[in-house]
Amino acid sequence: IKYEGLYRRLDVISPPPDQWAFCMLGWSGSKQMEKDLREYASEKGLHLSQQAVFKNTKRLTNPKSKDGVFHTEEDVWDFLGLKFLSPRLRWA
């Protein structure tokens, strides 16, 4: 997309519903925030990706959801034991 003489990149993401929260988490903050969040998960013995959270190779479910799905970014932060941080504050 060209805007005022500059080219802009537009990424269109369409994840499956059960991956939406993880995808949003990966696209709504700085690279450093994402790296820190993954490192924090790793210290807890977890692997955080843009698709899910894993322990070893087992995909984990949300124990607070009837269907086991992480529906929101807040669900992921809560699962990791962290206070939710708004996307606007993730660009430090």
N, C-alpha and C. Protein backbone atom coordinates (compact mmCIF):
# COMPACT_ATOMS: atom_id res chain seq x y z
N ILE A 1 0.86 -1.17 0.00
CA ILE A 1 0.00 0.00 0.00
C ILE A 1 0.90 1.23 0.00
N LYS A 2 0.64 2.14 -0.89
CA LYS A 2 1.44 3.36 -0.94
C LYS A 2 0.64 4.49 -0.30
N TYR A 3 1.27 5.17 0.65
CA TYR A 3 0.62 6.27 1.36
C TYR A 3 1.60 7.42 1.47
N GLU A 4 1.23 8.55 0.91
CA GLU A 4 2.08 9.75 0.95
C GLU A 4 3.51 9.45 0.53
N GLY A 5 3.67 8.71 -0.55
CA GLY A 5 4.99 8.42 -1.08
C GLY A 5 5.72 7.29 -0.39
N LEU A 6 5.16 6.76 0.69
CA LEU A 6 5.77 5.65 1.41
C LEU A 6 4.96 4.38 1.20
N TYR A 7 5.65 3.28 1.17
CA TYR A 7 4.96 2.01 1.05
C TYR A 7 4.71 1.46 2.45
N ARG A 8 3.54 0.91 2.65
CA ARG A 8 3.16 0.31 3.93
C ARG A 8 2.84 -1.15 3.70
N ARG A 9 3.14 -1.94 4.68
CA ARG A 9 2.84 -3.37 4.62
C ARG A 9 1.59 -3.63 5.43
N LEU A 10 0.71 -4.43 4.90
CA LEU A 10 -0.52 -4.78 5.59
C LEU A 10 -0.59 -6.30 5.69
N ASP A 11 -0.60 -6.81 6.90
CA ASP A 11 -0.71 -8.25 7.13
C ASP A 11 -2.15 -8.58 7.48
N VAL A 12 -2.72 -9.52 6.78
CA VAL A 12 -4.08 -9.98 7.06
C VAL A 12 -3.95 -11.37 7.69
N ILE A 13 -4.41 -11.47 8.92
CA ILE A 13 -4.27 -12.71 9.68
C ILE A 13 -5.66 -13.28 9.93
N SER A 14 -5.82 -14.57 9.70
CA SER A 14 -7.11 -15.22 9.93
C SER A 14 -6.88 -16.58 10.61
N PRO A 15 -6.61 -16.53 11.92
CA PRO A 15 -6.34 -17.79 12.63
C PRO A 15 -7.62 -18.55 12.96
N PRO A 16 -7.52 -19.84 13.19
CA PRO A 16 -8.68 -20.59 13.67
C PRO A 16 -9.10 -20.03 15.03
N PRO A 17 -10.38 -20.13 15.38
CA PRO A 17 -10.87 -19.57 16.64
C PRO A 17 -10.09 -20.00 17.88
N ASP A 18 -9.61 -21.24 17.91
CA ASP A 18 -8.89 -21.69 19.10
C ASP A 18 -7.46 -21.16 19.18
N GLN A 19 -7.01 -20.45 18.13
CA GLN A 19 -5.67 -19.87 18.13
C GLN A 19 -5.69 -18.34 18.16
N TRP A 20 -6.89 -17.77 18.10
CA TRP A 20 -7.04 -16.32 17.97
C TRP A 20 -6.32 -15.56 19.08
N ALA A 21 -6.51 -15.94 20.34
CA ALA A 21 -5.91 -15.21 21.46
C ALA A 21 -4.38 -15.20 21.37
N PHE A 22 -3.79 -16.33 20.98
CA PHE A 22 -2.34 -16.42 20.88
C PHE A 22 -1.81 -15.61 19.70
N CYS A 23 -2.55 -15.63 18.62
CA CYS A 23 -2.16 -14.85 17.45
C CYS A 23 -2.22 -13.35 17.77
N MET A 24 -3.28 -12.91 18.41
CA MET A 24 -3.40 -11.50 18.78
C MET A 24 -2.28 -11.09 19.73
N LEU A 25 -1.97 -11.96 20.65
CA LEU A 25 -0.90 -11.68 21.60
C LEU A 25 0.43 -11.47 20.88
N GLY A 26 0.67 -12.28 19.86
CA GLY A 26 1.91 -12.18 19.11
C GLY A 26 1.98 -10.96 18.20
N TRP A 27 0.83 -10.41 17.83
CA TRP A 27 0.81 -9.28 16.90
C TRP A 27 0.49 -7.95 17.57
N SER A 28 0.32 -7.94 18.89
CA SER A 28 -0.14 -6.71 19.54
C SER A 28 0.86 -6.12 20.53
N GLY A 29 2.11 -6.35 20.29
CA GLY A 29 3.13 -5.78 21.17
C GLY A 29 4.47 -5.74 20.47
N SER A 30 5.44 -5.24 21.16
CA SER A 30 6.78 -5.16 20.59
C SER A 30 7.42 -6.55 20.53
N LYS A 31 8.43 -6.66 19.72
CA LYS A 31 9.18 -7.93 19.65
C LYS A 31 9.79 -8.26 21.01
N GLN A 32 10.25 -7.23 21.71
CA GLN A 32 10.85 -7.45 23.02
C GLN A 32 9.81 -7.98 24.01
N MET A 33 8.60 -7.42 23.99
CA MET A 33 7.56 -7.90 24.88
C MET A 33 7.23 -9.37 24.60
N GLU A 34 7.12 -9.69 23.32
CA GLU A 34 6.82 -11.07 22.94
C GLU A 34 7.95 -12.00 23.39
N LYS A 35 9.18 -11.57 23.19
CA LYS A 35 10.34 -12.37 23.61
C LYS A 35 10.33 -12.58 25.12
N ASP A 36 10.07 -11.51 25.87
CA ASP A 36 10.03 -11.60 27.34
C ASP A 36 8.91 -12.52 27.81
N LEU A 37 7.75 -12.43 27.17
CA LEU A 37 6.62 -13.27 27.55
C LEU A 37 6.93 -14.75 27.28
N ARG A 38 7.54 -15.03 26.15
CA ARG A 38 7.93 -16.42 25.83
C ARG A 38 8.99 -16.94 26.80
N GLU A 39 9.93 -16.07 27.16
CA GLU A 39 10.96 -16.45 28.11
C GLU A 39 10.35 -16.73 29.49
N TYR A 40 9.40 -15.90 29.90
CA TYR A 40 8.71 -16.11 31.17
C TYR A 40 7.99 -17.46 31.16
N ALA A 41 7.29 -17.76 30.07
CA ALA A 41 6.59 -19.04 29.94
C ALA A 41 7.60 -20.19 30.01
N SER A 42 8.73 -20.02 29.35
CA SER A 42 9.77 -21.05 29.34
C SER A 42 10.29 -21.33 30.75
N GLU A 43 10.45 -20.27 31.55
CA GLU A 43 10.89 -20.45 32.93
C GLU A 43 9.89 -21.25 33.76
N LYS A 44 8.62 -21.26 33.31
CA LYS A 44 7.58 -22.03 33.99
C LYS A 44 7.44 -23.43 33.38
N GLY A 45 8.35 -23.78 32.46
CA GLY A 45 8.32 -25.09 31.82
C GLY A 45 7.32 -25.18 30.68
N LEU A 46 6.95 -24.02 30.13
CA LEU A 46 5.96 -23.97 29.05
C LEU A 46 6.59 -23.44 27.77
N HIS A 47 5.92 -23.72 26.66
CA HIS A 47 6.32 -23.16 25.37
C HIS A 47 5.13 -22.37 24.84
N LEU A 48 5.33 -21.06 24.63
CA LEU A 48 4.27 -20.19 24.13
C LEU A 48 4.54 -19.89 22.67
N SER A 49 3.54 -20.13 21.82
CA SER A 49 3.69 -19.84 20.40
C SER A 49 2.50 -18.99 19.95
N GLN A 50 2.46 -18.66 18.67
CA GLN A 50 1.32 -17.90 18.15
C GLN A 50 0.12 -18.80 17.88
N GLN A 51 0.24 -20.08 18.21
CA GLN A 51 -0.88 -21.01 18.04
C GLN A 51 -1.45 -21.50 19.37
N ALA A 52 -0.60 -21.65 20.39
CA ALA A 52 -1.05 -22.28 21.64
C ALA A 52 0.04 -22.18 22.69
N VAL A 53 -0.26 -22.75 23.85
CA VAL A 53 0.73 -22.91 24.90
C VAL A 53 0.90 -24.41 25.12
N PHE A 54 2.14 -24.85 25.24
CA PHE A 54 2.44 -26.27 25.35
C PHE A 54 3.26 -26.55 26.60
N LYS A 55 3.11 -27.75 27.11
CA LYS A 55 4.01 -28.28 28.14
C LYS A 55 4.58 -29.54 27.51
N ASN A 56 5.90 -29.54 27.33
CA ASN A 56 6.56 -30.57 26.51
C ASN A 56 5.94 -30.49 25.13
N THR A 57 5.30 -31.52 24.64
CA THR A 57 4.66 -31.45 23.32
C THR A 57 3.14 -31.45 23.42
N LYS A 58 2.61 -31.39 24.64
CA LYS A 58 1.16 -31.44 24.84
C LYS A 58 0.57 -30.03 24.83
N ARG A 59 -0.40 -29.83 23.95
CA ARG A 59 -1.11 -28.55 23.89
C ARG A 59 -2.00 -28.44 25.12
N LEU A 60 -1.86 -27.33 25.83
CA LEU A 60 -2.63 -27.14 27.06
C LEU A 60 -3.96 -26.45 26.78
N THR A 61 -4.92 -26.70 27.65
CA THR A 61 -6.23 -26.09 27.52
C THR A 61 -6.43 -25.08 28.65
N ASN A 62 -7.42 -24.24 28.49
CA ASN A 62 -7.73 -23.22 29.48
C ASN A 62 -8.62 -23.86 30.56
N PRO A 63 -8.10 -24.04 31.76
CA PRO A 63 -8.88 -24.68 32.82
C PRO A 63 -10.07 -23.85 33.29
N LYS A 64 -10.09 -22.56 32.95
CA LYS A 64 -11.19 -21.70 33.38
C LYS A 64 -12.29 -21.57 32.33
N SER A 65 -12.13 -22.25 31.20
CA SER A 65 -13.10 -22.18 30.12
C SER A 65 -13.80 -23.52 29.96
N LYS A 66 -15.11 -23.50 29.77
CA LYS A 66 -15.86 -24.75 29.63
C LYS A 66 -15.38 -25.57 28.44
N ASP A 67 -15.01 -24.88 27.35
CA ASP A 67 -14.55 -25.61 26.16
C ASP A 67 -13.03 -25.76 26.09
N GLY A 68 -12.33 -25.24 27.09
CA GLY A 68 -10.88 -25.38 27.14
C GLY A 68 -10.10 -24.42 26.27
N VAL A 69 -10.82 -23.54 25.57
CA VAL A 69 -10.17 -22.61 24.64
C VAL A 69 -9.79 -21.31 25.35
N PHE A 70 -8.64 -20.77 24.98
CA PHE A 70 -8.23 -19.44 25.42
C PHE A 70 -8.90 -18.46 24.44
N HIS A 71 -9.96 -17.81 24.88
CA HIS A 71 -10.74 -16.95 23.98
C HIS A 71 -10.17 -15.55 23.83
N THR A 72 -9.44 -15.07 24.84
CA THR A 72 -8.94 -13.70 24.81
C THR A 72 -7.47 -13.67 25.23
N GLU A 73 -6.83 -12.57 24.94
CA GLU A 73 -5.46 -12.37 25.40
C GLU A 73 -5.41 -12.41 26.93
N GLU A 74 -6.46 -11.85 27.54
CA GLU A 74 -6.53 -11.85 29.00
C GLU A 74 -6.49 -13.27 29.56
N ASP A 75 -7.12 -14.20 28.85
CA ASP A 75 -7.09 -15.61 29.27
C ASP A 75 -5.65 -16.14 29.32
N VAL A 76 -4.86 -15.77 28.34
CA VAL A 76 -3.47 -16.24 28.26
C VAL A 76 -2.65 -15.63 29.39
N TRP A 77 -2.76 -14.33 29.58
CA TRP A 77 -2.03 -13.65 30.66
C TRP A 77 -2.40 -14.27 32.00
N ASP A 78 -3.70 -14.49 32.22
CA ASP A 78 -4.17 -15.07 33.48
C ASP A 78 -3.60 -16.48 33.67
N PHE A 79 -3.60 -17.27 32.63
CA PHE A 79 -3.06 -18.63 32.70
C PHE A 79 -1.59 -18.62 33.10
N LEU A 80 -0.85 -17.63 32.61
CA LEU A 80 0.57 -17.51 32.93
C LEU A 80 0.80 -16.90 34.31
N GLY A 81 -0.29 -16.46 34.96
CA GLY A 81 -0.17 -15.88 36.29
C GLY A 81 0.28 -14.43 36.27
N LEU A 82 -0.01 -13.75 35.17
CA LEU A 82 0.39 -12.36 35.01
C LEU A 82 -0.81 -11.43 34.94
N LYS A 83 -0.62 -10.21 35.38
CA LYS A 83 -1.66 -9.19 35.26
C LYS A 83 -1.72 -8.76 33.79
N PHE A 84 -2.92 -8.64 33.24
CA PHE A 84 -3.10 -8.27 31.85
C PHE A 84 -2.48 -6.91 31.58
N LEU A 85 -1.76 -6.81 30.47
CA LEU A 85 -1.14 -5.57 30.04
C LEU A 85 -1.77 -5.17 28.71
N SER A 86 -2.41 -4.02 28.69
CA SER A 86 -3.08 -3.53 27.48
C SER A 86 -2.10 -3.44 26.32
N PRO A 87 -2.56 -3.71 25.10
CA PRO A 87 -1.67 -3.61 23.93
C PRO A 87 -0.97 -2.25 23.82
N ARG A 88 -1.63 -1.18 24.23
CA ARG A 88 -1.02 0.16 24.17
C ARG A 88 0.22 0.28 25.05
N LEU A 89 0.28 -0.56 26.09
CA LEU A 89 1.40 -0.49 27.02
C LEU A 89 2.51 -1.50 26.71
N ARG A 90 2.34 -2.24 25.64
CA ARG A 90 3.30 -3.31 25.30
C ARG A 90 4.42 -2.83 24.38
N TRP A 91 4.47 -1.58 24.08
CA TRP A 91 5.48 -1.06 23.14
C TRP A 91 6.57 -0.28 23.85
N ALA A 92 6.95 -0.73 25.01
CA ALA A 92 7.99 -0.04 25.80
C ALA A 92 9.37 -0.24 25.20
